[in-house]
Amino acid sequence: MKSFTQYLTETKNTWIFKIKTIHELSDKQSDRIEKHLMKYDSNGLGAAKKTILQSTPRDFPAFKGYEVYIYEFETSLPTTGSQVQKEIGNMLGLAQGTLLVKGEHEIDADEPVEESDKSILQDEEYSEAEEVNSEELYGDKYNTSFVQELLKLRKEKEKDNE
């Protein structure tokens, strides 16, 4: 039989994130980010990958003619990309919009969502709900039948008391 610690190590999840920026991070900035990410039990930043020069980078539409630098890291503790983005941006003093952190598990708002991936709550038609006759649950017809039922119960109670 497996011990509790064995079960824990087998079920350990990891989350993969990408840091995208239009400026290459210096060694000092990378070291600061790695130290900061230790609070999420991270292994550190991967090597920088650079995209080709783009007239309008996809993730940075406000900037024209930039290369995008991508750094990957993995965490053992759950967090969100927006949280890490705020922390790193504040720590390094980067201008808003020059840094983007996104997890692979997070949904991109720009990507179209497939029908099978949609939540039941996003169904405006409520197609999975059973059909209900509203007259049976509320309204004048329901109220009159309810009052009639109460009168019938009252008569039965009076009959039992006699």
C-alpha atoms as a PDB file:
ATOM      1  CA  MET A   1       0.000   0.000   0.000  1.00  0.00           C
ATOM      2  CA  LYS A   2       1.249   3.474  -0.903  1.00  0.00           C
ATOM      3  CA  SER A   3       1.986   6.040   1.740  1.00  0.00           C
ATOM      4  CA  PHE A   4       0.371   9.471   1.825  1.00  0.00           C
ATOM      5  CA  THR A   5       3.570  11.167   0.660  1.00  0.00           C
ATOM      6  CA  GLN A   6       3.754   8.858  -2.357  1.00  0.00           C
ATOM      7  CA  TYR A   7       0.220   9.844  -3.326  1.00  0.00           C
ATOM      8  CA  LEU A   8       1.123  13.511  -2.962  1.00  0.00           C
ATOM      9  CA  THR A   9       4.202  13.253  -5.152  1.00  0.00           C
ATOM     10  CA  GLU A  10       2.265  11.363  -7.825  1.00  0.00           C
ATOM     11  CA  THR A  11      -0.494  13.971  -7.963  1.00  0.00           C
ATOM     12  CA  LYS A  12       1.792  16.989  -8.002  1.00  0.00           C
ATOM     13  CA  ASN A  13       0.616  19.423 -10.680  1.00  0.00           C
ATOM     14  CA  THR A  14       2.717  21.954 -12.517  1.00  0.00           C
ATOM     15  CA  TRP A  15       1.655  25.078 -14.355  1.00  0.00           C
ATOM     16  CA  ILE A  16       3.572  26.431 -17.333  1.00  0.00           C
ATOM     17  CA  PHE A  17       3.682  30.166 -18.014  1.00  0.00           C
ATOM     18  CA  LYS A  18       5.228  32.375 -20.669  1.00  0.00           C
ATOM     19  CA  ILE A  19       6.559  35.857 -20.101  1.00  0.00           C
ATOM     20  CA  LYS A  20       6.449  37.966 -23.244  1.00  0.00           C
ATOM     21  CA  THR A  21       8.111  41.339 -23.466  1.00  0.00           C
ATOM     22  CA  ILE A  22       9.204  43.693 -26.221  1.00  0.00           C
ATOM     23  CA  HIS A  23      12.511  44.400 -24.465  1.00  0.00           C
ATOM     24  CA  GLU A  24      15.153  41.782 -23.766  1.00  0.00           C
ATOM     25  CA  LEU A  25      15.571  41.252 -20.038  1.00  0.00           C
ATOM     26  CA  SER A  26      19.008  41.897 -18.602  1.00  0.00           C
ATOM     27  CA  ASP A  27      20.741  39.257 -16.465  1.00  0.00           C
ATOM     28  CA  LYS A  28      19.999  41.333 -13.366  1.00  0.00           C
ATOM     29  CA  GLN A  29      16.285  41.525 -14.228  1.00  0.00           C
ATOM     30  CA  SER A  30      16.170  37.792 -14.966  1.00  0.00           C
ATOM     31  CA  ASP A  31      17.771  37.030 -11.605  1.00  0.00           C
ATOM     32  CA  ARG A  32      15.238  39.233  -9.800  1.00  0.00           C
ATOM     33  CA  ILE A  33      12.369  37.514 -11.600  1.00  0.00           C
ATOM     34  CA  GLU A  34      13.768  34.052 -10.762  1.00  0.00           C
ATOM     35  CA  LYS A  35      14.091  34.981  -7.089  1.00  0.00           C
ATOM     36  CA  HIS A  36      10.555  36.335  -7.088  1.00  0.00           C
ATOM     37  CA  LEU A  37       9.143  33.224  -8.769  1.00  0.00           C
ATOM     38  CA  MET A  38      10.585  31.044  -6.016  1.00  0.00           C
ATOM     39  CA  LYS A  39       7.494  31.892  -3.971  1.00  0.00           C
ATOM     40  CA  TYR A  40       5.517  29.868  -6.527  1.00  0.00           C
ATOM     41  CA  ASP A  41       8.026  27.001  -6.289  1.00  0.00           C
ATOM     42  CA  SER A  42       9.438  27.724  -9.737  1.00  0.00           C
ATOM     43  CA  ASN A  43      12.461  26.127 -11.373  1.00  0.00           C
ATOM     44  CA  GLY A  44      13.539  29.455 -12.863  1.00  0.00           C
ATOM     45  CA  LEU A  45      13.298  31.112 -16.249  1.00  0.00           C
ATOM     46  CA  GLY A  46      14.106  29.283 -19.426  1.00  0.00           C
ATOM     47  CA  ALA A  47      16.332  30.703 -22.118  1.00  0.00           C
ATOM     48  CA  ALA A  48      14.976  33.621 -24.076  1.00  0.00           C
ATOM     49  CA  LYS A  49      13.335  32.918 -27.401  1.00  0.00           C
ATOM     50  CA  LYS A  50      12.999  35.759 -29.854  1.00  0.00           C
ATOM     51  CA  THR A  51      10.430  36.191 -32.595  1.00  0.00           C
ATOM     52  CA  ILE A  52      11.176  37.820 -35.902  1.00  0.00           C
ATOM     53  CA  LEU A  53      10.798  41.557 -36.274  1.00  0.00           C
ATOM     54  CA  GLN A  54       7.091  42.266 -36.604  1.00  0.00           C
ATOM     55  CA  SER A  55       5.396  45.409 -37.810  1.00  0.00           C
ATOM     56  CA  THR A  56       2.675  44.900 -35.174  1.00  0.00           C
ATOM     57  CA  PRO A  57       3.317  42.153 -32.611  1.00  0.00           C
ATOM     58  CA  ARG A  58       0.145  40.168 -31.815  1.00  0.00           C
ATOM     59  CA  ASP A  59       0.322  40.604 -28.045  1.00  0.00           C
ATOM     60  CA  PHE A  60       1.549  44.197 -28.224  1.00  0.00           C
ATOM     61  CA  PRO A  61      -0.584  45.991 -30.828  1.00  0.00           C
ATOM     62  CA  ALA A  62       0.327  49.445 -29.519  1.00  0.00           C
ATOM     63  CA  PHE A  63       4.006  48.923 -30.392  1.00  0.00           C
ATOM     64  CA  LYS A  64       5.185  48.957 -34.003  1.00  0.00           C
ATOM     65  CA  GLY A  65       8.352  47.285 -35.301  1.00  0.00           C
ATOM     66  CA  TYR A  66       9.441  45.191 -32.299  1.00  0.00           C
ATOM     67  CA  GLU A  67      10.745  41.707 -31.689  1.00  0.00           C
ATOM     68  CA  VAL A  68       9.033  39.805 -28.888  1.00  0.00           C
ATOM     69  CA  TYR A  69      11.155  37.989 -26.292  1.00  0.00           C
ATOM     70  CA  ILE A  70       9.564  34.917 -24.714  1.00  0.00           C
ATOM     71  CA  TYR A  71      10.680  33.335 -21.434  1.00  0.00           C
ATOM     72  CA  GLU A  72       9.088  30.176 -20.060  1.00  0.00           C
ATOM     73  CA  PHE A  73       8.826  29.108 -16.447  1.00  0.00           C
ATOM     74  CA  GLU A  74       7.026  26.391 -14.554  1.00  0.00           C
ATOM     75  CA  THR A  75       5.473  26.564 -11.097  1.00  0.00           C
ATOM     76  CA  SER A  76       4.337  23.928  -8.642  1.00  0.00           C
ATOM     77  CA  LEU A  77       1.947  26.288  -6.867  1.00  0.00           C
ATOM     78  CA  PRO A  78      -1.132  27.625  -8.657  1.00  0.00           C
ATOM     79  CA  THR A  79      -1.301  31.260  -9.694  1.00  0.00           C
ATOM     80  CA  THR A  80      -2.624  33.344 -12.547  1.00  0.00           C
ATOM     81  CA  GLY A  81      -0.732  35.037 -15.313  1.00  0.00           C
ATOM     82  CA  SER A  82      -2.232  38.423 -14.507  1.00  0.00           C
ATOM     83  CA  GLN A  83      -1.065  38.176 -10.877  1.00  0.00           C
ATOM     84  CA  VAL A  84       2.504  37.325 -11.880  1.00  0.00           C
ATOM     85  CA  GLN A  85       2.400  40.036 -14.557  1.00  0.00           C
ATOM     86  CA  LYS A  86       1.444  42.704 -11.989  1.00  0.00           C
ATOM     87  CA  GLU A  87       4.109  41.538  -9.545  1.00  0.00           C
ATOM     88  CA  ILE A  88       6.920  41.441 -12.114  1.00  0.00           C
ATOM     89  CA  GLY A  89       5.857  44.713 -13.738  1.00  0.00           C
ATOM     90  CA  ASN A  90       5.823  46.513 -10.386  1.00  0.00           C
ATOM     91  CA  MET A  91       9.086  44.903  -9.277  1.00  0.00           C
ATOM     92  CA  LEU A  92      10.981  45.888 -12.433  1.00  0.00           C
ATOM     93  CA  GLY A  93       9.202  49.191 -12.975  1.00  0.00           C
ATOM     94  CA  LEU A  94       8.193  48.314 -16.518  1.00  0.00           C
ATOM     95  CA  ALA A  95       5.714  50.449 -18.403  1.00  0.00           C
ATOM     96  CA  GLN A  96       2.228  49.029 -18.628  1.00  0.00           C
ATOM     97  CA  GLY A  97       1.678  47.089 -21.831  1.00  0.00           C
ATOM     98  CA  THR A  98       5.331  46.095 -22.367  1.00  0.00           C
ATOM     99  CA  LEU A  99       5.037  42.824 -20.418  1.00  0.00           C
ATOM    100  CA  LEU A 100       2.585  39.955 -20.724  1.00  0.00           C
ATOM    101  CA  VAL A 101       2.414  36.769 -18.622  1.00  0.00           C
ATOM    102  CA  LYS A 102       0.060  34.013 -19.686  1.00  0.00           C
ATOM    103  CA  GLY A 103      -0.362  30.448 -18.503  1.00  0.00           C
ATOM    104  CA  GLU A 104      -0.920  27.574 -20.910  1.00  0.00           C
ATOM    105  CA  HIS A 105      -3.998  26.612 -18.877  1.00  0.00           C
ATOM    106  CA  GLU A 106      -5.576  30.059 -19.291  1.00  0.00           C
ATOM    107  CA  ILE A 107      -8.027  30.790 -22.081  1.00  0.00           C
ATOM    108  CA  ASP A 108      -7.059  33.495 -24.540  1.00  0.00           C
ATOM    109  CA  ALA A 109      -9.873  36.007 -25.012  1.00  0.00           C
ATOM    110  CA  ASP A 110      -8.899  36.497 -28.684  1.00  0.00           C
ATOM    111  CA  GLU A 111      -9.198  32.823 -29.596  1.00  0.00           C
ATOM    112  CA  PRO A 112     -12.623  31.558 -30.649  1.00  0.00           C
ATOM    113  CA  VAL A 113     -14.158  29.126 -28.181  1.00  0.00           C
ATOM    114  CA  GLU A 114     -15.368  25.840 -29.614  1.00  0.00           C
ATOM    115  CA  GLU A 115     -18.951  24.843 -28.932  1.00  0.00           C
ATOM    116  CA  SER A 116     -17.835  21.820 -26.910  1.00  0.00           C
ATOM    117  CA  ASP A 117     -15.650  24.028 -24.652  1.00  0.00           C
ATOM    118  CA  LYS A 118     -18.423  26.455 -23.741  1.00  0.00           C
ATOM    119  CA  SER A 119     -19.857  26.454 -20.266  1.00  0.00           C
ATOM    120  CA  ILE A 120     -23.484  25.550 -19.677  1.00  0.00           C
ATOM    121  CA  LEU A 121     -23.890  29.020 -18.179  1.00  0.00           C
ATOM    122  CA  GLN A 122     -22.941  30.590 -21.530  1.00  0.00           C
ATOM    123  CA  ASP A 123     -25.918  28.934 -23.253  1.00  0.00           C
ATOM    124  CA  GLU A 124     -28.404  31.755 -23.786  1.00  0.00           C
ATOM    125  CA  GLU A 125     -31.100  29.337 -24.967  1.00  0.00           C
ATOM    126  CA  TYR A 126     -30.859  27.086 -21.860  1.00  0.00           C
ATOM    127  CA  SER A 127     -31.039  24.138 -24.240  1.00  0.00           C
ATOM    128  CA  GLU A 128     -30.254  21.541 -21.546  1.00  0.00           C
ATOM    129  CA  ALA A 129     -33.035  22.721 -19.222  1.00  0.00           C
ATOM    130  CA  GLU A 130     -36.255  20.746 -19.130  1.00  0.00           C
ATOM    131  CA  GLU A 131     -39.383  22.338 -20.542  1.00  0.00           C
ATOM    132  CA  VAL A 132     -41.662  23.702 -17.829  1.00  0.00           C
ATOM    133  CA  ASN A 133     -45.272  24.816 -18.127  1.00  0.00           C
ATOM    134  CA  SER A 134     -45.227  28.169 -16.365  1.00  0.00           C
ATOM    135  CA  GLU A 135     -48.983  28.090 -15.686  1.00  0.00           C
ATOM    136  CA  GLU A 136     -48.441  25.142 -13.346  1.00  0.00           C
ATOM    137  CA  LEU A 137     -45.984  27.089 -11.182  1.00  0.00           C
ATOM    138  CA  TYR A 138     -47.273  30.679 -10.954  1.00  0.00           C
ATOM    139  CA  GLY A 139     -49.896  33.082 -12.224  1.00  0.00           C
ATOM    140  CA  ASP A 140     -53.673  33.434 -11.882  1.00  0.00           C
ATOM    141  CA  LYS A 141     -54.454  29.853 -12.825  1.00  0.00           C
ATOM    142  CA  TYR A 142     -51.963  28.524 -10.261  1.00  0.00           C
ATOM    143  CA  ASN A 143     -53.246  30.863  -7.544  1.00  0.00           C
ATOM    144  CA  THR A 144     -56.880  29.816  -8.024  1.00  0.00           C
ATOM    145  CA  SER A 145     -55.990  26.108  -7.927  1.00  0.00           C
ATOM    146  CA  PHE A 146     -53.900  26.737  -4.792  1.00  0.00           C
ATOM    147  CA  VAL A 147     -56.763  28.554  -3.049  1.00  0.00           C
ATOM    148  CA  GLN A 148     -59.164  25.754  -4.043  1.00  0.00           C
ATOM    149  CA  GLU A 149     -56.765  23.186  -2.575  1.00  0.00           C
ATOM    150  CA  LEU A 150     -56.563  25.187   0.662  1.00  0.00           C
ATOM    151  CA  LEU A 151     -60.366  25.394   0.875  1.00  0.00           C
ATOM    152  CA  LYS A 152     -60.617  21.646   0.337  1.00  0.00           C
ATOM    153  CA  LEU A 153     -58.068  21.004   3.123  1.00  0.00           C
ATOM    154  CA  ARG A 154     -59.943  23.396   5.408  1.00  0.00           C
ATOM    155  CA  LYS A 155     -63.240  21.543   4.817  1.00  0.00           C
ATOM    156  CA  GLU A 156     -61.553  18.191   5.524  1.00  0.00           C
ATOM    157  CA  LYS A 157     -60.064  19.564   8.757  1.00  0.00           C
ATOM    158  CA  GLU A 158     -63.445  20.935   9.873  1.00  0.00           C
ATOM    159  CA  LYS A 159     -65.060  17.573   9.060  1.00  0.00           C
ATOM    160  CA  ASP A 160     -62.417  15.752  11.173  1.00  0.00           C
ATOM    161  CA  ASN A 161     -62.978  18.127  14.123  1.00  0.00           C
ATOM    162  CA  GLU A 162     -66.736  17.392  14.255  1.00  0.00           C
END
